[in-house]
Amino acid sequence: MSWIYLVLAGFMEIGWPLGFKLAQASNHRVPWIAFSVLSMAASGLFLYLAQRTIPIGTAYAVWTGIGAVGTFTLGILFFRDPATAVRIASAGLVVIGLIGLKLSHS
């Protein structure tokens, strides 16, 4: 169950930079900022729950990695961020690292 909490925490981690970006691009700033704050709180809660059985270093790396790669992907797909080969390969290395951390967890 802890890994499910950790993945949920990672997805919630994507929510707060997304909310801030949408607040910048919208006339409805307050709801998007509120979305960001709620995403931060939910992300922290799920990370807290995951760390009950997952080592803190592993949990933190996976949490930030999911958030970083997820936000990176949304940036390319929806906000015209550059999709260069080096950027994509670098994100791929992060994913490989996350998989390695999961596989090494006993």
N, C-alpha and C. Protein backbone atom coordinates (compact mmCIF):
# COMPACT_ATOMS: atom_id res chain seq x y z
N MET A 1 0.82 -1.20 0.00
CA MET A 1 0.00 0.00 0.00
C MET A 1 0.86 1.26 0.00
N SER A 2 2.05 1.17 0.61
CA SER A 2 2.92 2.35 0.68
C SER A 2 3.35 2.83 -0.69
N TRP A 3 3.58 1.90 -1.61
CA TRP A 3 3.98 2.31 -2.95
C TRP A 3 2.84 3.00 -3.69
N ILE A 4 1.64 2.58 -3.42
CA ILE A 4 0.47 3.26 -4.00
C ILE A 4 0.40 4.69 -3.46
N TYR A 5 0.60 4.83 -2.14
CA TYR A 5 0.63 6.17 -1.56
C TYR A 5 1.73 7.02 -2.19
N LEU A 6 2.87 6.41 -2.42
CA LEU A 6 3.99 7.16 -2.99
C LEU A 6 3.71 7.61 -4.41
N VAL A 7 3.11 6.75 -5.21
CA VAL A 7 2.76 7.13 -6.59
C VAL A 7 1.70 8.24 -6.55
N LEU A 8 0.72 8.12 -5.68
CA LEU A 8 -0.28 9.19 -5.54
C LEU A 8 0.38 10.50 -5.12
N ALA A 9 1.34 10.43 -4.20
CA ALA A 9 2.06 11.63 -3.78
C ALA A 9 2.79 12.25 -4.97
N GLY A 10 3.39 11.40 -5.79
CA GLY A 10 4.09 11.91 -6.98
C GLY A 10 3.15 12.59 -7.95
N PHE A 11 1.99 12.01 -8.17
CA PHE A 11 1.03 12.64 -9.08
C PHE A 11 0.49 13.95 -8.50
N MET A 12 0.29 13.99 -7.19
CA MET A 12 -0.13 15.25 -6.56
C MET A 12 0.97 16.30 -6.66
N GLU A 13 2.21 15.84 -6.68
CA GLU A 13 3.35 16.74 -6.82
C GLU A 13 3.35 17.44 -8.18
N ILE A 14 2.79 16.78 -9.18
CA ILE A 14 2.64 17.40 -10.51
C ILE A 14 1.60 18.52 -10.46
N GLY A 15 0.62 18.40 -9.59
CA GLY A 15 -0.50 19.33 -9.55
C GLY A 15 -0.14 20.75 -9.19
N TRP A 16 0.81 20.93 -8.28
CA TRP A 16 1.05 22.31 -7.84
C TRP A 16 1.79 23.15 -8.87
N PRO A 17 2.82 22.69 -9.57
CA PRO A 17 3.37 23.56 -10.61
C PRO A 17 2.40 23.75 -11.78
N LEU A 18 1.59 22.72 -12.04
CA LEU A 18 0.57 22.86 -13.08
C LEU A 18 -0.43 23.95 -12.70
N GLY A 19 -0.88 23.93 -11.47
CA GLY A 19 -1.82 24.96 -11.01
C GLY A 19 -1.23 26.36 -11.10
N PHE A 20 0.05 26.50 -10.73
CA PHE A 20 0.70 27.81 -10.83
C PHE A 20 0.81 28.26 -12.28
N LYS A 21 1.14 27.34 -13.17
CA LYS A 21 1.24 27.68 -14.59
C LYS A 21 -0.12 28.11 -15.13
N LEU A 22 -1.15 27.38 -14.78
CA LEU A 22 -2.49 27.73 -15.25
C LEU A 22 -2.98 29.05 -14.63
N ALA A 23 -2.55 29.35 -13.41
CA ALA A 23 -2.90 30.63 -12.79
C ALA A 23 -2.29 31.79 -13.55
N GLN A 24 -1.09 31.59 -14.09
CA GLN A 24 -0.43 32.64 -14.87
C GLN A 24 -1.13 32.88 -16.20
N ALA A 25 -1.72 31.82 -16.74
CA ALA A 25 -2.32 31.89 -18.07
C ALA A 25 -3.82 32.11 -18.04
N SER A 26 -4.37 32.43 -16.89
CA SER A 26 -5.82 32.48 -16.75
C SER A 26 -6.25 33.76 -16.04
N ASN A 27 -7.51 34.12 -16.25
CA ASN A 27 -8.10 35.21 -15.49
C ASN A 27 -8.63 34.72 -14.14
N HIS A 28 -8.56 33.40 -13.93
CA HIS A 28 -9.08 32.77 -12.71
C HIS A 28 -7.90 32.31 -11.85
N ARG A 29 -7.13 33.26 -11.37
CA ARG A 29 -5.91 32.93 -10.64
C ARG A 29 -6.18 32.24 -9.31
N VAL A 30 -7.11 32.73 -8.55
CA VAL A 30 -7.34 32.21 -7.19
C VAL A 30 -7.71 30.72 -7.20
N PRO A 31 -8.63 30.26 -8.05
CA PRO A 31 -8.93 28.82 -8.03
C PRO A 31 -7.71 27.96 -8.39
N TRP A 32 -6.89 28.41 -9.32
CA TRP A 32 -5.72 27.62 -9.70
C TRP A 32 -4.67 27.62 -8.60
N ILE A 33 -4.53 28.74 -7.91
CA ILE A 33 -3.60 28.78 -6.78
C ILE A 33 -4.12 27.90 -5.66
N ALA A 34 -5.43 27.91 -5.43
CA ALA A 34 -6.02 27.02 -4.43
C ALA A 34 -5.79 25.55 -4.81
N PHE A 35 -5.92 25.24 -6.09
CA PHE A 35 -5.63 23.89 -6.59
C PHE A 35 -4.18 23.52 -6.27
N SER A 36 -3.27 24.46 -6.48
CA SER A 36 -1.86 24.22 -6.18
C SER A 36 -1.65 23.91 -4.71
N VAL A 37 -2.25 24.70 -3.86
CA VAL A 37 -2.09 24.51 -2.41
C VAL A 37 -2.67 23.16 -1.98
N LEU A 38 -3.83 22.81 -2.50
CA LEU A 38 -4.43 21.51 -2.17
C LEU A 38 -3.57 20.36 -2.68
N SER A 39 -2.99 20.54 -3.87
CA SER A 39 -2.09 19.51 -4.41
C SER A 39 -0.86 19.34 -3.53
N MET A 40 -0.31 20.46 -3.06
CA MET A 40 0.85 20.39 -2.16
C MET A 40 0.49 19.63 -0.89
N ALA A 41 -0.65 19.96 -0.31
CA ALA A 41 -1.07 19.31 0.94
C ALA A 41 -1.29 17.81 0.73
N ALA A 42 -1.98 17.46 -0.34
CA ALA A 42 -2.24 16.04 -0.61
C ALA A 42 -0.94 15.30 -0.90
N SER A 43 -0.04 15.94 -1.63
CA SER A 43 1.25 15.34 -1.93
C SER A 43 2.01 15.05 -0.65
N GLY A 44 2.05 16.02 0.24
CA GLY A 44 2.74 15.82 1.51
C GLY A 44 2.11 14.74 2.36
N LEU A 45 0.79 14.69 2.38
CA LEU A 45 0.09 13.67 3.16
C LEU A 45 0.42 12.27 2.64
N PHE A 46 0.34 12.08 1.34
CA PHE A 46 0.63 10.75 0.78
C PHE A 46 2.10 10.38 0.95
N LEU A 47 3.00 11.36 0.86
CA LEU A 47 4.42 11.08 1.12
C LEU A 47 4.60 10.64 2.57
N TYR A 48 3.95 11.32 3.48
CA TYR A 48 3.99 10.96 4.90
C TYR A 48 3.54 9.51 5.10
N LEU A 49 2.44 9.14 4.47
CA LEU A 49 1.93 7.78 4.60
C LEU A 49 2.87 6.75 3.99
N ALA A 50 3.48 7.10 2.87
CA ALA A 50 4.39 6.17 2.19
C ALA A 50 5.65 5.92 3.01
N GLN A 51 6.12 6.94 3.71
CA GLN A 51 7.38 6.84 4.45
C GLN A 51 7.27 5.98 5.70
N ARG A 52 6.08 5.50 6.00
CA ARG A 52 5.96 4.61 7.15
C ARG A 52 6.73 3.32 6.92
N THR A 53 6.80 2.87 5.65
CA THR A 53 7.53 1.61 5.38
C THR A 53 8.59 1.74 4.29
N ILE A 54 8.58 2.81 3.53
CA ILE A 54 9.58 3.01 2.48
C ILE A 54 10.66 3.92 3.05
N PRO A 55 11.96 3.57 2.86
CA PRO A 55 13.02 4.42 3.38
C PRO A 55 12.88 5.86 2.86
N ILE A 56 13.22 6.83 3.71
CA ILE A 56 13.01 8.24 3.39
C ILE A 56 13.73 8.65 2.10
N GLY A 57 14.95 8.19 1.91
CA GLY A 57 15.70 8.56 0.69
C GLY A 57 15.04 8.04 -0.57
N THR A 58 14.59 6.81 -0.51
CA THR A 58 13.89 6.21 -1.65
C THR A 58 12.58 6.94 -1.90
N ALA A 59 11.82 7.15 -0.83
CA ALA A 59 10.52 7.82 -0.98
C ALA A 59 10.69 9.22 -1.56
N TYR A 60 11.66 9.97 -1.04
CA TYR A 60 11.85 11.34 -1.52
C TYR A 60 12.28 11.36 -2.98
N ALA A 61 13.20 10.48 -3.36
CA ALA A 61 13.67 10.45 -4.74
C ALA A 61 12.55 10.07 -5.71
N VAL A 62 11.76 9.08 -5.34
CA VAL A 62 10.65 8.66 -6.21
C VAL A 62 9.60 9.76 -6.29
N TRP A 63 9.27 10.36 -5.16
CA TRP A 63 8.28 11.44 -5.10
C TRP A 63 8.69 12.61 -6.00
N THR A 64 9.90 13.08 -5.83
CA THR A 64 10.34 14.22 -6.65
C THR A 64 10.53 13.81 -8.11
N GLY A 65 10.96 12.57 -8.33
CA GLY A 65 11.16 12.10 -9.70
C GLY A 65 9.85 12.03 -10.48
N ILE A 66 8.82 11.47 -9.85
CA ILE A 66 7.51 11.43 -10.51
C ILE A 66 7.02 12.84 -10.79
N GLY A 67 7.17 13.72 -9.81
CA GLY A 67 6.75 15.10 -10.00
C GLY A 67 7.52 15.79 -11.11
N ALA A 68 8.83 15.58 -11.13
CA ALA A 68 9.67 16.24 -12.14
C ALA A 68 9.38 15.72 -13.55
N VAL A 69 9.36 14.41 -13.71
CA VAL A 69 9.13 13.84 -15.04
C VAL A 69 7.70 14.09 -15.50
N GLY A 70 6.76 14.02 -14.59
CA GLY A 70 5.37 14.32 -14.95
C GLY A 70 5.18 15.76 -15.39
N THR A 71 5.78 16.68 -14.64
CA THR A 71 5.68 18.09 -14.99
C THR A 71 6.42 18.37 -16.29
N PHE A 72 7.57 17.75 -16.46
CA PHE A 72 8.34 17.86 -17.70
C PHE A 72 7.48 17.43 -18.90
N THR A 73 6.81 16.29 -18.76
CA THR A 73 5.97 15.76 -19.84
C THR A 73 4.80 16.69 -20.15
N LEU A 74 4.13 17.18 -19.11
CA LEU A 74 3.02 18.12 -19.34
C LEU A 74 3.51 19.40 -20.02
N GLY A 75 4.69 19.85 -19.62
CA GLY A 75 5.26 21.05 -20.25
C GLY A 75 5.45 20.87 -21.74
N ILE A 76 5.93 19.72 -22.14
CA ILE A 76 6.12 19.44 -23.57
C ILE A 76 4.77 19.31 -24.28
N LEU A 77 3.87 18.55 -23.68
CA LEU A 77 2.59 18.27 -24.35
C LEU A 77 1.65 19.46 -24.44
N PHE A 78 1.65 20.32 -23.40
CA PHE A 78 0.63 21.37 -23.34
C PHE A 78 1.15 22.80 -23.31
N PHE A 79 2.43 22.99 -23.00
CA PHE A 79 2.93 24.35 -22.83
C PHE A 79 4.10 24.69 -23.76
N ARG A 80 4.29 23.86 -24.76
CA ARG A 80 5.30 24.10 -25.79
C ARG A 80 6.72 24.20 -25.24
N ASP A 81 6.99 23.48 -24.18
CA ASP A 81 8.37 23.40 -23.71
C ASP A 81 9.20 22.64 -24.74
N PRO A 82 10.49 22.93 -24.85
CA PRO A 82 11.31 22.25 -25.85
C PRO A 82 11.36 20.74 -25.62
N ALA A 83 11.27 19.99 -26.70
CA ALA A 83 11.32 18.53 -26.65
C ALA A 83 12.58 18.05 -27.36
N THR A 84 13.74 18.50 -26.89
CA THR A 84 14.98 18.09 -27.53
C THR A 84 15.36 16.68 -27.10
N ALA A 85 16.18 16.06 -27.90
CA ALA A 85 16.62 14.70 -27.60
C ALA A 85 17.34 14.63 -26.26
N VAL A 86 18.16 15.61 -25.96
CA VAL A 86 18.91 15.60 -24.70
C VAL A 86 17.95 15.73 -23.51
N ARG A 87 16.96 16.59 -23.61
CA ARG A 87 16.00 16.74 -22.51
C ARG A 87 15.21 15.45 -22.30
N ILE A 88 14.77 14.84 -23.38
CA ILE A 88 13.98 13.61 -23.27
C ILE A 88 14.84 12.47 -22.74
N ALA A 89 16.06 12.36 -23.23
CA ALA A 89 16.96 11.31 -22.74
C ALA A 89 17.26 11.51 -21.25
N SER A 90 17.45 12.74 -20.84
CA SER A 90 17.72 13.03 -19.43
C SER A 90 16.54 12.65 -18.55
N ALA A 91 15.33 12.95 -19.00
CA ALA A 91 14.14 12.54 -18.26
C ALA A 91 14.05 11.01 -18.22
N GLY A 92 14.42 10.38 -19.31
CA GLY A 92 14.44 8.92 -19.34
C GLY A 92 15.40 8.33 -18.31
N LEU A 93 16.54 8.99 -18.12
CA LEU A 93 17.48 8.53 -17.10
C LEU A 93 16.88 8.65 -15.70
N VAL A 94 16.11 9.69 -15.47
CA VAL A 94 15.43 9.83 -14.18
C VAL A 94 14.47 8.65 -13.99
N VAL A 95 13.71 8.32 -15.02
CA VAL A 95 12.76 7.19 -14.93
C VAL A 95 13.51 5.89 -14.66
N ILE A 96 14.64 5.69 -15.31
CA ILE A 96 15.44 4.48 -15.07
C ILE A 96 15.90 4.44 -13.61
N GLY A 97 16.31 5.58 -13.08
CA GLY A 97 16.70 5.64 -11.68
C GLY A 97 15.56 5.31 -10.74
N LEU A 98 14.35 5.80 -11.07
CA LEU A 98 13.18 5.51 -10.23
C LEU A 98 12.86 4.01 -10.25
N ILE A 99 12.96 3.42 -11.41
CA ILE A 99 12.72 1.97 -11.52
C ILE A 99 13.76 1.22 -10.71
N GLY A 100 15.01 1.65 -10.79
CA GLY A 100 16.06 1.02 -10.00
C GLY A 100 15.80 1.10 -8.51
N LEU A 101 15.33 2.26 -8.04
CA LEU A 101 15.01 2.39 -6.62
C LEU A 101 13.86 1.47 -6.22
N LYS A 102 12.87 1.33 -7.07
CA LYS A 102 11.75 0.44 -6.77
C LYS A 102 12.22 -1.03 -6.73
N LEU A 103 13.03 -1.40 -7.71
CA LEU A 103 13.50 -2.79 -7.76
C LEU A 103 14.44 -3.13 -6.61
N SER A 104 15.15 -2.15 -6.10
CA SER A 104 16.09 -2.41 -5.01
C SER A 104 15.42 -2.40 -3.64
N HIS A 105 14.18 -1.99 -3.56
CA HIS A 105 13.47 -1.95 -2.28
C HIS A 105 13.08 -3.36 -1.88
N SER A 106 13.45 -3.73 -0.67
CA SER A 106 13.14 -5.10 -0.23
C SER A 106 11.88 -5.15 0.61
